[in-house]
Amino acid sequence: MADEKKRLIRARDEKRARFRRYGRDVKKRLAETWRKPKGQHNKLRRKVGAKGPYPKPGYGSPTEVRGLHPSGYRDMVVATPAAIADLDPNVHAVRIAAAVGGKKRAEIRDLAEKAGFRILNPGPTAAPTAEPAEEEAVSDE
């Protein structure tokens, strides 16, 4: 990855604000995900500084690195082994879909490793083997 790209990703992460929903600390049922405040007297809508950051154009990331994973690759969700054929290992990183089972996950992981992809969520590498625990017999003889 080019040094300029690394610098831009670092700059993007340094200026990134965490926009949180107004009132999330008052009501437990509210998620922290951003929702635009619409109330007439809402201080965050009126952009009172102490109430937290409000999304505006200055928070955008550079266009060269917008949407990239922090590793510098474009994050692609893969659900079938055939989907790997359309991707480029120099540009894309593979994330295996959550609904994929163990056998297909292992197959996708093997194909991706052979093709030279970076796998963002490889999961367990091998199935645990069931070995009987050896218990030492204590003899008084």
Protein backbone atom coordinates (compact mmCIF):
# COMPACT_ATOMS: atom_id res chain seq x y z
CA MET A 1 0.00 0.00 0.00
CA ALA A 2 1.31 3.44 -0.88
CA ASP A 3 2.56 5.73 1.87
CA GLU A 4 0.07 8.40 0.82
CA LYS A 5 -2.82 5.97 1.22
CA LYS A 6 -1.62 5.00 4.71
CA ARG A 7 -1.37 8.67 5.66
CA LEU A 8 -4.89 9.38 4.42
CA ILE A 9 -6.32 6.43 6.36
CA ARG A 10 -4.57 7.66 9.52
CA ALA A 11 -5.89 11.19 8.93
CA ARG A 12 -9.41 9.84 8.39
CA ASP A 13 -9.33 7.93 11.66
CA GLU A 14 -7.91 10.85 13.66
CA LYS A 15 -10.64 13.31 12.73
CA ARG A 16 -13.52 10.82 12.87
CA ALA A 17 -16.19 11.85 15.35
CA ARG A 18 -18.56 9.50 17.08
CA PHE A 19 -22.06 10.75 16.42
CA ARG A 20 -24.36 9.44 19.11
CA ARG A 21 -28.10 9.72 19.42
CA TYR A 22 -29.36 12.54 21.60
CA GLY A 23 -31.03 11.22 24.76
CA ARG A 24 -29.36 7.80 24.63
CA ASP A 25 -28.06 8.27 28.18
CA VAL A 26 -31.53 9.15 29.50
CA LYS A 27 -33.52 6.26 28.02
CA LYS A 28 -31.96 2.81 28.05
CA ARG A 29 -34.05 1.56 25.14
CA LEU A 30 -32.50 4.06 22.73
CA ALA A 31 -29.60 2.71 20.72
CA GLU A 32 -26.45 4.79 20.29
CA THR A 33 -26.82 4.86 16.50
CA TRP A 34 -27.26 8.30 15.04
CA ARG A 35 -30.74 9.71 14.49
CA LYS A 36 -31.27 13.28 13.44
CA PRO A 37 -32.84 15.31 16.28
CA LYS A 38 -36.13 16.83 15.13
CA GLY A 39 -37.52 18.45 18.28
CA GLN A 40 -38.30 22.16 18.28
CA HIS A 41 -36.28 22.85 21.43
CA ASN A 42 -33.59 20.22 20.94
CA LYS A 43 -30.19 21.71 21.73
CA LEU A 44 -28.24 19.29 19.55
CA ARG A 45 -30.43 20.23 16.56
CA ARG A 46 -29.63 23.87 17.33
CA LYS A 47 -25.93 22.86 17.42
CA VAL A 48 -25.16 23.87 20.98
CA GLY A 49 -21.51 22.85 21.21
CA ALA A 50 -21.56 21.09 24.56
CA LYS A 51 -24.23 18.63 23.43
CA GLY A 52 -21.89 16.69 21.17
CA PRO A 53 -20.75 16.67 17.55
CA TYR A 54 -23.30 17.09 14.77
CA PRO A 55 -22.66 15.58 11.32
CA LYS A 56 -21.53 18.15 8.76
CA PRO A 57 -19.35 18.17 5.64
CA GLY A 58 -16.08 18.73 7.50
CA TYR A 59 -16.19 15.22 8.96
CA GLY A 60 -16.01 13.47 5.58
CA SER A 61 -13.03 11.28 4.74
CA PRO A 62 -10.77 11.78 1.69
CA THR A 63 -12.29 10.32 -1.48
CA GLU A 64 -9.27 8.07 -2.12
CA VAL A 65 -9.83 6.14 1.13
CA ARG A 66 -13.57 6.51 1.60
CA GLY A 67 -15.16 3.19 2.46
CA LEU A 68 -11.87 1.33 2.86
CA HIS A 69 -11.12 -1.04 5.73
CA PRO A 70 -8.40 0.30 8.08
CA SER A 71 -6.04 -2.25 6.50
CA GLY A 72 -6.38 -0.35 3.19
CA TYR A 73 -8.40 -2.99 1.33
CA ARG A 74 -11.97 -2.77 0.07
CA ASP A 75 -14.12 -4.95 2.34
CA MET A 76 -16.16 -7.51 0.35
CA VAL A 77 -18.67 -9.91 1.91
CA VAL A 78 -18.47 -13.38 0.36
CA ALA A 79 -21.19 -16.01 0.78
CA THR A 80 -20.16 -18.58 -1.86
CA PRO A 81 -16.81 -19.93 -3.04
CA ALA A 82 -17.63 -18.82 -6.60
CA ALA A 83 -17.78 -15.17 -5.52
CA ILE A 84 -14.02 -15.14 -4.87
CA ALA A 85 -13.27 -15.47 -8.59
CA ASP A 86 -14.55 -11.94 -9.29
CA LEU A 87 -12.26 -10.26 -6.73
CA ASP A 88 -8.70 -8.95 -6.90
CA PRO A 89 -6.41 -9.81 -3.93
CA ASN A 90 -4.50 -6.52 -4.33
CA VAL A 91 -7.66 -4.45 -3.89
CA HIS A 92 -10.19 -6.52 -1.92
CA ALA A 93 -10.24 -8.16 1.50
CA VAL A 94 -12.66 -11.03 2.10
CA ARG A 95 -15.21 -11.08 4.89
CA ILE A 96 -17.14 -14.35 5.08
CA ALA A 97 -20.90 -13.83 5.46
CA ALA A 98 -22.35 -14.56 8.89
CA ALA A 99 -24.93 -17.05 7.62
CA VAL A 100 -22.29 -19.34 6.07
CA GLY A 101 -21.88 -22.69 7.84
CA GLY A 102 -18.71 -24.44 8.91
CA LYS A 103 -18.01 -26.57 5.84
CA LYS A 104 -18.55 -23.81 3.32
CA ARG A 105 -16.67 -21.34 5.54
CA ALA A 106 -13.64 -23.65 5.53
CA GLU A 107 -13.90 -24.02 1.75
CA ILE A 108 -14.10 -20.25 1.22
CA ARG A 109 -11.19 -19.70 3.62
CA ASP A 110 -9.00 -22.24 1.77
CA LEU A 111 -9.78 -20.74 -1.65
CA ALA A 112 -9.13 -17.21 -0.39
CA GLU A 113 -5.80 -18.17 1.21
CA LYS A 114 -4.65 -19.89 -2.00
CA ALA A 115 -5.59 -16.82 -4.03
CA GLY A 116 -3.70 -14.53 -1.60
CA PHE A 117 -6.63 -12.63 -0.09
CA ARG A 118 -6.66 -11.10 3.34
CA ILE A 119 -9.48 -12.68 5.36
CA LEU A 120 -11.03 -10.31 7.89
CA ASN A 121 -13.02 -12.92 9.86
CA PRO A 122 -11.45 -16.35 9.30
CA GLY A 123 -13.08 -18.03 12.30
CA PRO A 124 -11.62 -21.14 13.90
CA THR A 125 -8.91 -22.66 11.72
CA ALA A 126 -9.58 -26.31 12.50
CA ALA A 127 -12.35 -28.26 14.13
CA PRO A 128 -11.46 -29.30 17.67
CA THR A 129 -10.70 -32.98 17.95
CA ALA A 130 -12.38 -34.93 20.71
CA GLU A 131 -9.60 -36.67 22.58
CA PRO A 132 -10.44 -38.58 25.72
CA ALA A 133 -8.87 -37.03 28.74
CA GLU A 134 -6.27 -39.28 30.25
CA GLU A 135 -6.88 -39.71 33.89
CA GLU A 136 -3.97 -40.95 35.89
CA ALA A 137 -4.90 -43.83 38.09
CA VAL A 138 -3.54 -43.38 41.52
CA SER A 139 -2.48 -46.70 42.92
CA ASP A 140 -1.57 -47.34 46.50
CA GLU A 141 0.61 -50.28 45.62
